[in-house]
């Protein structure tokens, strides 16, 4: 996690309401590693393992985000995901993408 729960964004000043990091060894459309929201846990983390359940696909930006939950957590609804990531995604148009199985991403 490069921005643990409770940390402040270095440029925009908002506070991260969830742990936020990236998936090592991946590459997204912006040329960086794929960013990930880790939706589980109530304390700041430096690393985490989990399973991908969805992608936040930004329609007006090329920086998609993976939604990751702990391996033992049940899936979240789109509404629960939206609520959890709104602190940052409120400035973007996006859709939540999933495949037919919950272990999609």
PDB file of N, CA and C in Angstrom:
ATOM      1  N   UNK A   1       0.850  -1.175   0.000  1.00  0.00           N
ATOM      2  CA  UNK A   1       0.000   0.000   0.000  1.00  0.00           C
ATOM      3  C   UNK A   1       0.893   1.235   0.000  1.00  0.00           C
ATOM      4  N   UNK A   2       0.705   2.074  -0.972  1.00  0.00           N
ATOM      5  CA  UNK A   2       1.466   3.327  -0.938  1.00  0.00           C
ATOM      6  C   UNK A   2       0.657   4.457  -0.300  1.00  0.00           C
ATOM      7  N   UNK A   3      -0.647   4.221  -0.083  1.00  0.00           N
ATOM      8  CA  UNK A   3      -1.485   5.191   0.629  1.00  0.00           C
ATOM      9  C   UNK A   3      -2.405   4.434   1.583  1.00  0.00           C
ATOM     10  N   UNK A   4      -1.901   4.163   2.777  1.00  0.00           N
ATOM     11  CA  UNK A   4      -2.694   3.408   3.751  1.00  0.00           C
ATOM     12  C   UNK A   4      -3.924   4.179   4.233  1.00  0.00           C
ATOM     13  N   UNK A   5      -4.867   3.455   4.734  1.00  0.00           N
ATOM     14  CA  UNK A   5      -6.070   4.019   5.338  1.00  0.00           C
ATOM     15  C   UNK A   5      -5.696   5.172   6.261  1.00  0.00           C
ATOM     16  N   UNK A   6      -6.349   6.320   6.086  1.00  0.00           N
ATOM     17  CA  UNK A   6      -6.107   7.486   6.937  1.00  0.00           C
ATOM     18  C   UNK A   6      -5.023   8.423   6.441  1.00  0.00           C
ATOM     19  N   UNK A   7      -4.266   8.022   5.413  1.00  0.00           N
ATOM     20  CA  UNK A   7      -3.221   8.914   4.905  1.00  0.00           C
ATOM     21  C   UNK A   7      -3.842   9.979   4.008  1.00  0.00           C
ATOM     22  N   UNK A   8      -3.070  11.028   3.750  1.00  0.00           N
ATOM     23  CA  UNK A   8      -3.532  12.160   2.955  1.00  0.00           C
ATOM     24  C   UNK A   8      -2.924  12.103   1.561  1.00  0.00           C
ATOM     25  N   UNK A   9      -3.730  12.448   0.563  1.00  0.00           N
ATOM     26  CA  UNK A   9      -3.219  12.524  -0.808  1.00  0.00           C
ATOM     27  C   UNK A   9      -2.176  13.642  -0.866  1.00  0.00           C
ATOM     28  N   UNK A  10      -1.010  13.373  -1.471  1.00  0.00           N
ATOM     29  CA  UNK A  10       0.069  14.373  -1.456  1.00  0.00           C
ATOM     30  C   UNK A  10      -0.233  15.661  -2.220  1.00  0.00           C
ATOM     31  N   UNK A  11      -1.083  15.614  -3.236  1.00  0.00           N
ATOM     32  CA  UNK A  11      -1.387  16.823  -4.007  1.00  0.00           C
ATOM     33  C   UNK A  11      -2.739  17.433  -3.665  1.00  0.00           C
ATOM     34  N   UNK A  12      -3.758  16.590  -3.529  1.00  0.00           N
ATOM     35  CA  UNK A  12      -5.127  17.090  -3.415  1.00  0.00           C
ATOM     36  C   UNK A  12      -5.646  17.170  -1.985  1.00  0.00           C
ATOM     37  N   UNK A  13      -4.933  16.589  -1.043  1.00  0.00           N
ATOM     38  CA  UNK A  13      -5.238  16.760   0.364  1.00  0.00           C
ATOM     39  C   UNK A  13      -6.370  15.942   0.950  1.00  0.00           C
ATOM     40  N   UNK A  14      -7.088  15.163   0.140  1.00  0.00           N
ATOM     41  CA  UNK A  14      -8.153  14.363   0.728  1.00  0.00           C
ATOM     42  C   UNK A  14      -7.568  13.167   1.479  1.00  0.00           C
ATOM     43  N   UNK A  15      -8.350  12.609   2.379  1.00  0.00           N
ATOM     44  CA  UNK A  15      -7.916  11.495   3.226  1.00  0.00           C
ATOM     45  C   UNK A  15      -8.420  10.184   2.634  1.00  0.00           C
ATOM     46  N   UNK A  16      -7.563   9.194   2.591  1.00  0.00           N
ATOM     47  CA  UNK A  16      -7.928   7.868   2.091  1.00  0.00           C
ATOM     48  C   UNK A  16      -8.780   7.149   3.123  1.00  0.00           C
ATOM     49  N   UNK A  17     -10.002   6.810   2.735  1.00  0.00           N
ATOM     50  CA  UNK A  17     -10.960   6.137   3.616  1.00  0.00           C
ATOM     51  C   UNK A  17     -10.774   4.624   3.611  1.00  0.00           C
ATOM     52  N   UNK A  18      -9.929   4.125   2.683  1.00  0.00           N
ATOM     53  CA  UNK A  18      -9.601   2.702   2.590  1.00  0.00           C
ATOM     54  C   UNK A  18      -8.112   2.594   2.274  1.00  0.00           C
ATOM     55  N   UNK A  19      -7.565   1.414   2.416  1.00  0.00           N
ATOM     56  CA  UNK A  19      -6.187   1.184   2.002  1.00  0.00           C
ATOM     57  C   UNK A  19      -6.129   1.193   0.475  1.00  0.00           C
ATOM     58  N   UNK A  20      -5.066   1.800  -0.063  1.00  0.00           N
ATOM     59  CA  UNK A  20      -4.952   2.012  -1.499  1.00  0.00           C
ATOM     60  C   UNK A  20      -3.517   1.746  -1.908  1.00  0.00           C
ATOM     61  N   UNK A  21      -3.366   0.965  -2.940  1.00  0.00           N
ATOM     62  CA  UNK A  21      -2.018   0.660  -3.400  1.00  0.00           C
ATOM     63  C   UNK A  21      -2.027   0.266  -4.863  1.00  0.00           C
ATOM     64  N   UNK A  22      -1.221  -0.720  -5.205  1.00  0.00           N
ATOM     65  CA  UNK A  22      -1.124  -1.167  -6.591  1.00  0.00           C
ATOM     66  C   UNK A  22      -0.818  -2.652  -6.606  1.00  0.00           C
ATOM     67  N   UNK A  23      -1.042  -3.252  -7.766  1.00  0.00           N
ATOM     68  CA  UNK A  23      -0.785  -4.674  -7.954  1.00  0.00           C
ATOM     69  C   UNK A  23       0.572  -4.802  -8.628  1.00  0.00           C
ATOM     70  N   UNK A  24       1.580  -5.325  -7.913  1.00  0.00           N
ATOM     71  CA  UNK A  24       2.924  -5.448  -8.491  1.00  0.00           C
ATOM     72  C   UNK A  24       2.928  -6.307  -9.760  1.00  0.00           C
ATOM     73  N   UNK A  25       3.754  -5.916 -10.698  1.00  0.00           N
ATOM     74  CA  UNK A  25       3.923  -6.696 -11.922  1.00  0.00           C
ATOM     75  C   UNK A  25       2.828  -6.505 -12.954  1.00  0.00           C
ATOM     76  N   UNK A  26       1.988  -5.490 -12.777  1.00  0.00           N
ATOM     77  CA  UNK A  26       0.932  -5.201 -13.746  1.00  0.00           C
ATOM     78  C   UNK A  26       1.229  -3.870 -14.418  1.00  0.00           C
ATOM     79  N   UNK A  27       0.478  -3.573 -15.469  1.00  0.00           N
ATOM     80  CA  UNK A  27       0.592  -2.265 -16.103  1.00  0.00           C
ATOM     81  C   UNK A  27      -0.783  -1.837 -16.571  1.00  0.00           C
ATOM     82  N   UNK A  28      -1.144  -0.619 -16.243  1.00  0.00           N
ATOM     83  CA  UNK A  28      -2.441  -0.081 -16.664  1.00  0.00           C
ATOM     84  C   UNK A  28      -2.256   0.843 -17.856  1.00  0.00           C
ATOM     85  N   UNK A  29      -3.353   1.383 -18.343  1.00  0.00           N
ATOM     86  CA  UNK A  29      -3.318   2.241 -19.532  1.00  0.00           C
ATOM     87  C   UNK A  29      -2.487   3.498 -19.340  1.00  0.00           C
ATOM     88  N   UNK A  30      -2.330   3.940 -18.089  1.00  0.00           N
ATOM     89  CA  UNK A  30      -1.530   5.148 -17.850  1.00  0.00           C
ATOM     90  C   UNK A  30      -0.036   4.854 -17.757  1.00  0.00           C
ATOM     91  N   UNK A  31       0.349   3.576 -17.965  1.00  0.00           N
ATOM     92  CA  UNK A  31       1.753   3.199 -17.946  1.00  0.00           C
ATOM     93  C   UNK A  31       2.286   2.816 -16.578  1.00  0.00           C
ATOM     94  N   UNK A  32       1.514   3.029 -15.556  1.00  0.00           N
ATOM     95  CA  UNK A  32       1.897   2.677 -14.185  1.00  0.00           C
ATOM     96  C   UNK A  32       1.306   1.319 -13.828  1.00  0.00           C
ATOM     97  N   UNK A  33       1.703   0.798 -12.657  1.00  0.00           N
ATOM     98  CA  UNK A  33       1.094  -0.440 -12.195  1.00  0.00           C
ATOM     99  C   UNK A  33      -0.376  -0.185 -11.868  1.00  0.00           C
ATOM    100  N   UNK A  34      -1.194  -1.221 -11.986  1.00  0.00           N
ATOM    101  CA  UNK A  34      -2.632  -1.095 -11.763  1.00  0.00           C
ATOM    102  C   UNK A  34      -2.917  -0.769 -10.306  1.00  0.00           C
ATOM    103  N   UNK A  35      -3.589   0.355 -10.080  1.00  0.00           N
ATOM    104  CA  UNK A  35      -3.967   0.779  -8.734  1.00  0.00           C
ATOM    105  C   UNK A  35      -5.058  -0.124  -8.190  1.00  0.00           C
ATOM    106  N   UNK A  36      -5.121  -0.221  -6.864  1.00  0.00           N
ATOM    107  CA  UNK A  36      -6.129  -1.076  -6.236  1.00  0.00           C
ATOM    108  C   UNK A  36      -6.627  -0.472  -4.940  1.00  0.00           C
ATOM    109  N   UNK A  37      -7.938  -0.525  -4.784  1.00  0.00           N
ATOM    110  CA  UNK A  37      -8.565  -0.228  -3.501  1.00  0.00           C
ATOM    111  C   UNK A  37      -8.682  -1.554  -2.761  1.00  0.00           C
ATOM    112  N   UNK A  38      -8.202  -1.601  -1.528  1.00  0.00           N
ATOM    113  CA  UNK A  38      -8.338  -2.800  -0.705  1.00  0.00           C
ATOM    114  C   UNK A  38      -9.485  -2.549   0.262  1.00  0.00           C
ATOM    115  N   UNK A  39     -10.618  -3.172  -0.002  1.00  0.00           N
ATOM    116  CA  UNK A  39     -11.826  -2.940   0.773  1.00  0.00           C
ATOM    117  C   UNK A  39     -12.004  -4.050   1.804  1.00  0.00           C
ATOM    118  N   UNK A  40     -11.338  -3.878   2.884  1.00  0.00           N
ATOM    119  CA  UNK A  40     -11.393  -4.828   3.982  1.00  0.00           C
ATOM    120  C   UNK A  40     -10.398  -4.400   5.030  1.00  0.00           C
ATOM    121  N   UNK A  41     -10.749  -4.591   6.245  1.00  0.00           N
ATOM    122  CA  UNK A  41      -9.853  -4.179   7.314  1.00  0.00           C
ATOM    123  C   UNK A  41     -10.141  -2.766   7.763  1.00  0.00           C
ATOM    124  N   UNK A  42      -9.847  -2.525   9.010  1.00  0.00           N
ATOM    125  CA  UNK A  42     -10.138  -1.215   9.587  1.00  0.00           C
ATOM    126  C   UNK A  42      -8.895  -0.529  10.117  1.00  0.00           C
ATOM    127  N   UNK A  43      -7.727  -1.003   9.689  1.00  0.00           N
ATOM    128  CA  UNK A  43      -6.482  -0.372  10.119  1.00  0.00           C
ATOM    129  C   UNK A  43      -5.580  -0.172   8.906  1.00  0.00           C
ATOM    130  N   UNK A  44      -4.663   0.766   8.993  1.00  0.00           N
ATOM    131  CA  UNK A  44      -3.721   0.983   7.890  1.00  0.00           C
ATOM    132  C   UNK A  44      -2.858  -0.262   7.665  1.00  0.00           C
ATOM    133  N   UNK A  45      -2.654  -0.596   6.398  1.00  0.00           N
ATOM    134  CA  UNK A  45      -1.854  -1.763   6.037  1.00  0.00           C
ATOM    135  C   UNK A  45      -0.685  -1.344   5.161  1.00  0.00           C
ATOM    136  N   UNK A  46       0.401  -2.102   5.235  1.00  0.00           N
ATOM    137  CA  UNK A  46       1.513  -1.849   4.326  1.00  0.00           C
ATOM    138  C   UNK A  46       1.468  -2.802   3.135  1.00  0.00           C
ATOM    139  N   UNK A  47       0.947  -4.000   3.329  1.00  0.00           N
ATOM    140  CA  UNK A  47       0.734  -4.968   2.252  1.00  0.00           C
ATOM    141  C   UNK A  47      -0.531  -5.754   2.566  1.00  0.00           C
ATOM    142  N   UNK A  48      -1.059  -6.409   1.565  1.00  0.00           N
ATOM    143  CA  UNK A  48      -2.244  -7.236   1.768  1.00  0.00           C
ATOM    144  C   UNK A  48      -2.363  -8.224   0.621  1.00  0.00           C
ATOM    145  N   UNK A  49      -2.999  -9.340   0.903  1.00  0.00           N
ATOM    146  CA  UNK A  49      -3.343 -10.318  -0.119  1.00  0.00           C
ATOM    147  C   UNK A  49      -4.860 -10.379  -0.180  1.00  0.00           C
ATOM    148  N   UNK A  50      -5.386 -10.621  -1.343  1.00  0.00           N
ATOM    149  CA  UNK A  50      -6.826 -10.696  -1.481  1.00  0.00           C
ATOM    150  C   UNK A  50      -7.210 -11.194  -2.853  1.00  0.00           C
ATOM    151  N   UNK A  51      -8.473 -11.012  -3.159  1.00  0.00           N
ATOM    152  CA  UNK A  51      -8.978 -11.420  -4.467  1.00  0.00           C
ATOM    153  C   UNK A  51      -9.707 -10.252  -5.108  1.00  0.00           C
ATOM    154  N   UNK A  52      -9.515 -10.124  -6.404  1.00  0.00           N
ATOM    155  CA  UNK A  52     -10.172  -9.064  -7.148  1.00  0.00           C
ATOM    156  C   UNK A  52     -11.623  -9.412  -7.399  1.00  0.00           C
ATOM    157  N   UNK A  53     -12.506  -8.448  -7.170  1.00  0.00           N
ATOM    158  CA  UNK A  53     -13.927  -8.690  -7.417  1.00  0.00           C
ATOM    159  C   UNK A  53     -14.507  -7.765  -8.474  1.00  0.00           C
ATOM    160  N   UNK A  54     -13.808  -6.702  -8.809  1.00  0.00           N
ATOM    161  CA  UNK A  54     -14.343  -5.742  -9.788  1.00  0.00           C
ATOM    162  C   UNK A  54     -13.244  -4.790 -10.229  1.00  0.00           C
ATOM    163  N   UNK A  55     -13.580  -3.992 -11.230  1.00  0.00           N
ATOM    164  CA  UNK A  55     -12.708  -2.927 -11.730  1.00  0.00           C
ATOM    165  C   UNK A  55     -13.522  -1.632 -11.757  1.00  0.00           C
ATOM    166  N   UNK A  56     -12.943  -0.564 -11.257  1.00  0.00           N
ATOM    167  CA  UNK A  56     -13.496   0.771 -11.468  1.00  0.00           C
ATOM    168  C   UNK A  56     -12.912   1.232 -12.799  1.00  0.00           C
ATOM    169  N   UNK A  57     -13.749   1.299 -13.810  1.00  0.00           N
ATOM    170  CA  UNK A  57     -13.315   1.735 -15.141  1.00  0.00           C
ATOM    171  C   UNK A  57     -13.716   3.194 -15.310  1.00  0.00           C
ATOM    172  N   UNK A  58     -12.719   4.057 -15.279  1.00  0.00           N
ATOM    173  CA  UNK A  58     -12.973   5.488 -15.427  1.00  0.00           C
ATOM    174  C   UNK A  58     -13.250   5.816 -16.888  1.00  0.00           C
ATOM    175  N   UNK A  59     -14.328   6.547 -17.109  1.00  0.00           N
ATOM    176  CA  UNK A  59     -14.738   6.895 -18.460  1.00  0.00           C
ATOM    177  C   UNK A  59     -14.092   8.184 -18.948  1.00  0.00           C
ATOM    178  N   UNK A  60     -13.625   9.024 -18.029  1.00  0.00           N
ATOM    179  CA  UNK A  60     -13.015  10.295 -18.413  1.00  0.00           C
ATOM    180  C   UNK A  60     -11.559  10.392 -17.938  1.00  0.00           C
ATOM    181  N   UNK A  61     -10.915   9.231 -17.797  1.00  0.00           N
ATOM    182  CA  UNK A  61      -9.525   9.172 -17.340  1.00  0.00           C
ATOM    183  C   UNK A  61      -9.006   7.774 -17.693  1.00  0.00           C
ATOM    184  N   UNK A  62      -7.711   7.617 -17.853  1.00  0.00           N
ATOM    185  CA  UNK A  62      -7.185   6.298 -18.229  1.00  0.00           C
ATOM    186  C   UNK A  62      -6.549   5.570 -17.049  1.00  0.00           C
ATOM    187  N   UNK A  63      -7.051   5.782 -15.855  1.00  0.00           N
ATOM    188  CA  UNK A  63      -6.458   5.210 -14.653  1.00  0.00           C
ATOM    189  C   UNK A  63      -7.470   4.322 -13.915  1.00  0.00           C
ATOM    190  N   UNK A  64      -7.741   3.138 -14.474  1.00  0.00           N
ATOM    191  CA  UNK A  64      -8.672   2.207 -13.846  1.00  0.00           C
ATOM    192  C   UNK A  64      -8.125   1.703 -12.512  1.00  0.00           C
ATOM    193  N   UNK A  65      -9.027   1.216 -11.673  1.00  0.00           N
ATOM    194  CA  UNK A  65      -8.670   0.747 -10.329  1.00  0.00           C
ATOM    195  C   UNK A  65      -9.250  -0.651 -10.103  1.00  0.00           C
ATOM    196  N   UNK A  66      -8.470  -1.534  -9.533  1.00  0.00           N
ATOM    197  CA  UNK A  66      -8.954  -2.857  -9.157  1.00  0.00           C
ATOM    198  C   UNK A  66      -9.580  -2.773  -7.769  1.00  0.00           C
ATOM    199  N   UNK A  67     -10.658  -3.500  -7.571  1.00  0.00           N
ATOM    200  CA  UNK A  67     -11.282  -3.614  -6.256  1.00  0.00           C
ATOM    201  C   UNK A  67     -10.883  -4.972  -5.694  1.00  0.00           C
ATOM    202  N   UNK A  68     -10.177  -4.945  -4.569  1.00  0.00           N
ATOM    203  CA  UNK A  68      -9.674  -6.167  -3.939  1.00  0.00           C
ATOM    204  C   UNK A  68     -10.264  -6.276  -2.541  1.00  0.00           C
ATOM    205  N   UNK A  69     -10.659  -7.492  -2.169  1.00  0.00           N
ATOM    206  CA  UNK A  69     -11.172  -7.772  -0.833  1.00  0.00           C
ATOM    207  C   UNK A  69     -10.355  -8.911  -0.237  1.00  0.00           C
ATOM    208  N   UNK A  70     -10.354  -9.047   1.091  1.00  0.00           N
ATOM    209  CA  UNK A  70      -9.675 -10.189   1.700  1.00  0.00           C
ATOM    210  C   UNK A  70     -10.224 -11.497   1.128  1.00  0.00           C
ATOM    211  N   UNK A  71      -9.381 -12.507   1.051  1.00  0.00           N
ATOM    212  CA  UNK A  71      -9.772 -13.783   0.446  1.00  0.00           C
ATOM    213  C   UNK A  71     -10.988 -14.402   1.119  1.00  0.00           C
ATOM    214  N   UNK A  72     -11.187 -14.142   2.395  1.00  0.00           N
ATOM    215  CA  UNK A  72     -12.306 -14.744   3.129  1.00  0.00           C
ATOM    216  C   UNK A  72     -13.566 -13.884   3.141  1.00  0.00           C
ATOM    217  N   UNK A  73     -13.507 -12.688   2.592  1.00  0.00           N
ATOM    218  CA  UNK A  73     -14.660 -11.779   2.614  1.00  0.00           C
ATOM    219  C   UNK A  73     -15.631 -12.126   1.494  1.00  0.00           C
ATOM    220  N   UNK A  74     -16.911 -11.976   1.777  1.00  0.00           N
ATOM    221  CA  UNK A  74     -17.905 -12.160   0.733  1.00  0.00           C
ATOM    222  C   UNK A  74     -17.870 -10.968  -0.209  1.00  0.00           C
ATOM    223  N   UNK A  75     -18.473 -11.128  -1.375  1.00  0.00           N
ATOM    224  CA  UNK A  75     -18.484 -10.050  -2.354  1.00  0.00           C
ATOM    225  C   UNK A  75     -19.243  -8.836  -1.835  1.00  0.00           C
ATOM    226  N   UNK A  76     -18.922  -7.695  -2.402  1.00  0.00           N
ATOM    227  CA  UNK A  76     -19.613  -6.446  -2.098  1.00  0.00           C
ATOM    228  C   UNK A  76     -20.536  -6.095  -3.260  1.00  0.00           C
ATOM    229  N   UNK A  77     -21.599  -5.389  -2.960  1.00  0.00           N
ATOM    230  CA  UNK A  77     -22.474  -4.906  -4.021  1.00  0.00           C
ATOM    231  C   UNK A  77     -21.838  -3.694  -4.688  1.00  0.00           C
ATOM    232  N   UNK A  78     -22.342  -3.335  -5.862  1.00  0.00           N
ATOM    233  CA  UNK A  78     -21.855  -2.133  -6.533  1.00  0.00           C
ATOM    234  C   UNK A  78     -22.077  -0.903  -5.658  1.00  0.00           C
ATOM    235  N   UNK A  79     -23.182  -0.856  -4.958  1.00  0.00           N
ATOM    236  CA  UNK A  79     -23.476   0.267  -4.073  1.00  0.00           C
ATOM    237  C   UNK A  79     -22.460   0.354  -2.934  1.00  0.00           C
ATOM    238  N   UNK A  80     -22.092  -0.777  -2.354  1.00  0.00           N
ATOM    239  CA  UNK A  80     -21.092  -0.787  -1.282  1.00  0.00           C
ATOM    240  C   UNK A  80     -19.727  -0.344  -1.800  1.00  0.00           C
ATOM    241  N   UNK A  81     -19.386  -0.773  -3.005  1.00  0.00           N
ATOM    242  CA  UNK A  81     -18.114  -0.348  -3.611  1.00  0.00           C
ATOM    243  C   UNK A  81     -18.140   1.152  -3.858  1.00  0.00           C
ATOM    244  N   UNK A  82     -19.211   1.646  -4.449  1.00  0.00           N
ATOM    245  CA  UNK A  82     -19.340   3.081  -4.734  1.00  0.00           C
ATOM    246  C   UNK A  82     -19.191   3.902  -3.463  1.00  0.00           C
ATOM    247  N   UNK A  83     -19.848   3.483  -2.427  1.00  0.00           N
ATOM    248  CA  UNK A  83     -19.774   4.205  -1.151  1.00  0.00           C
ATOM    249  C   UNK A  83     -18.347   4.210  -0.604  1.00  0.00           C
ATOM    250  N   UNK A  84     -17.645   3.094  -0.709  1.00  0.00           N
ATOM    251  CA  UNK A  84     -16.295   2.980  -0.152  1.00  0.00           C
ATOM    252  C   UNK A  84     -15.266   3.822  -0.902  1.00  0.00           C
ATOM    253  N   UNK A  85     -15.425   3.968  -2.218  1.00  0.00           N
ATOM    254  CA  UNK A  85     -14.411   4.661  -3.019  1.00  0.00           C
ATOM    255  C   UNK A  85     -14.797   6.098  -3.391  1.00  0.00           C
ATOM    256  N   UNK A  86     -15.946   6.536  -2.944  1.00  0.00           N
ATOM    257  CA  UNK A  86     -16.440   7.862  -3.305  1.00  0.00           C
ATOM    258  C   UNK A  86     -15.493   8.989  -2.903  1.00  0.00           C
ATOM    259  N   UNK A  87     -14.733   8.818  -1.840  1.00  0.00           N
ATOM    260  CA  UNK A  87     -13.813   9.873  -1.391  1.00  0.00           C
ATOM    261  C   UNK A  87     -12.868  10.311  -2.503  1.00  0.00           C
ATOM    262  N   UNK A  88     -12.547   9.411  -3.449  1.00  0.00           N
ATOM    263  CA  UNK A  88     -11.664   9.759  -4.560  1.00  0.00           C
ATOM    264  C   UNK A  88     -12.392   9.728  -5.908  1.00  0.00           C
ATOM    265  N   UNK A  89     -13.278   8.784  -6.086  1.00  0.00           N
ATOM    266  CA  UNK A  89     -13.922   8.620  -7.394  1.00  0.00           C
ATOM    267  C   UNK A  89     -15.014   9.644  -7.668  1.00  0.00           C
ATOM    268  N   UNK A  90     -15.387  10.444  -6.676  1.00  0.00           N
ATOM    269  CA  UNK A  90     -16.453  11.436  -6.866  1.00  0.00           C
ATOM    270  C   UNK A  90     -16.139  12.449  -7.957  1.00  0.00           C
ATOM    271  N   UNK A  91     -14.891  12.597  -8.330  1.00  0.00           N
ATOM    272  CA  UNK A  91     -14.499  13.560  -9.354  1.00  0.00           C
ATOM    273  C   UNK A  91     -14.414  12.947 -10.753  1.00  0.00           C
ATOM    274  N   UNK A  92     -14.783  11.684 -10.877  1.00  0.00           N
ATOM    275  CA  UNK A  92     -14.660  10.983 -12.157  1.00  0.00           C
ATOM    276  C   UNK A  92     -15.980  10.336 -12.544  1.00  0.00           C
ATOM    277  N   UNK A  93     -16.165  10.154 -13.838  1.00  0.00           N
ATOM    278  CA  UNK A  93     -17.250   9.326 -14.349  1.00  0.00           C
ATOM    279  C   UNK A  93     -16.684   7.916 -14.461  1.00  0.00           C
ATOM    280  N   UNK A  94     -17.385   6.942 -13.926  1.00  0.00           N
ATOM    281  CA  UNK A  94     -16.865   5.578 -13.961  1.00  0.00           C
ATOM    282  C   UNK A  94     -18.000   4.569 -13.951  1.00  0.00           C
ATOM    283  N   UNK A  95     -17.623   3.353 -14.294  1.00  0.00           N
ATOM    284  CA  UNK A  95     -18.536   2.229 -14.175  1.00  0.00           C
ATOM    285  C   UNK A  95     -17.805   1.110 -13.449  1.00  0.00           C
ATOM    286  N   UNK A  96     -18.572   0.269 -12.782  1.00  0.00           N
ATOM    287  CA  UNK A  96     -18.007  -0.879 -12.085  1.00  0.00           C
ATOM    288  C   UNK A  96     -18.180  -2.087 -12.990  1.00  0.00           C
ATOM    289  N   UNK A  97     -17.058  -2.701 -13.348  1.00  0.00           N
ATOM    290  CA  UNK A  97     -17.081  -3.852 -14.245  1.00  0.00           C
ATOM    291  C   UNK A  97     -16.820  -5.130 -13.469  1.00  0.00           C
ATOM    292  N   UNK A  98     -17.563  -6.165 -13.831  1.00  0.00           N
ATOM    293  CA  UNK A  98     -17.396  -7.488 -13.241  1.00  0.00           C
ATOM    294  C   UNK A  98     -17.597  -8.525 -14.332  1.00  0.00           C
ATOM    295  N   UNK A  99     -17.127  -9.728 -14.087  1.00  0.00           N
ATOM    296  CA  UNK A  99     -17.488 -10.831 -14.954  1.00  0.00           C
ATOM    297  C   UNK A  99     -18.596 -11.600 -14.247  1.00  0.00           C
ATOM    298  N   UNK A 100     -19.039 -12.653 -14.826  1.00  0.00           N
ATOM    299  CA  UNK A 100     -20.149 -13.405 -14.238  1.00  0.00           C
ATOM    300  C   UNK A 100     -19.775 -14.118 -12.949  1.00  0.00           C
ATOM    301  N   UNK A 101     -18.488 -14.383 -12.751  1.00  0.00           N
ATOM    302  CA  UNK A 101     -18.060 -14.985 -11.486  1.00  0.00           C
ATOM    303  C   UNK A 101     -17.417 -13.936 -10.620  1.00  0.00           C
ATOM    304  N   UNK A 102     -17.472 -14.109  -9.320  1.00  0.00           N
ATOM    305  CA  UNK A 102     -16.950 -13.089  -8.408  1.00  0.00           C
ATOM    306  C   UNK A 102     -15.432 -13.068  -8.354  1.00  0.00           C
ATOM    307  N   UNK A 103     -14.761 -14.095  -8.814  1.00  0.00           N
ATOM    308  CA  UNK A 103     -13.296 -14.137  -8.789  1.00  0.00           C
ATOM    309  C   UNK A 103     -12.735 -13.642 -10.117  1.00  0.00           C
ATOM    310  N   UNK A 104     -13.264 -12.547 -10.580  1.00  0.00           N
ATOM    311  CA  UNK A 104     -12.997 -12.092 -11.932  1.00  0.00           C
ATOM    312  C   UNK A 104     -11.654 -11.437 -12.154  1.00  0.00           C
ATOM    313  N   UNK A 105     -11.174 -10.635 -11.213  1.00  0.00           N
ATOM    314  CA  UNK A 105     -10.140  -9.665 -11.574  1.00  0.00           C
ATOM    315  C   UNK A 105      -8.821  -9.926 -10.879  1.00  0.00           C
TER     316      UNK A 105
END
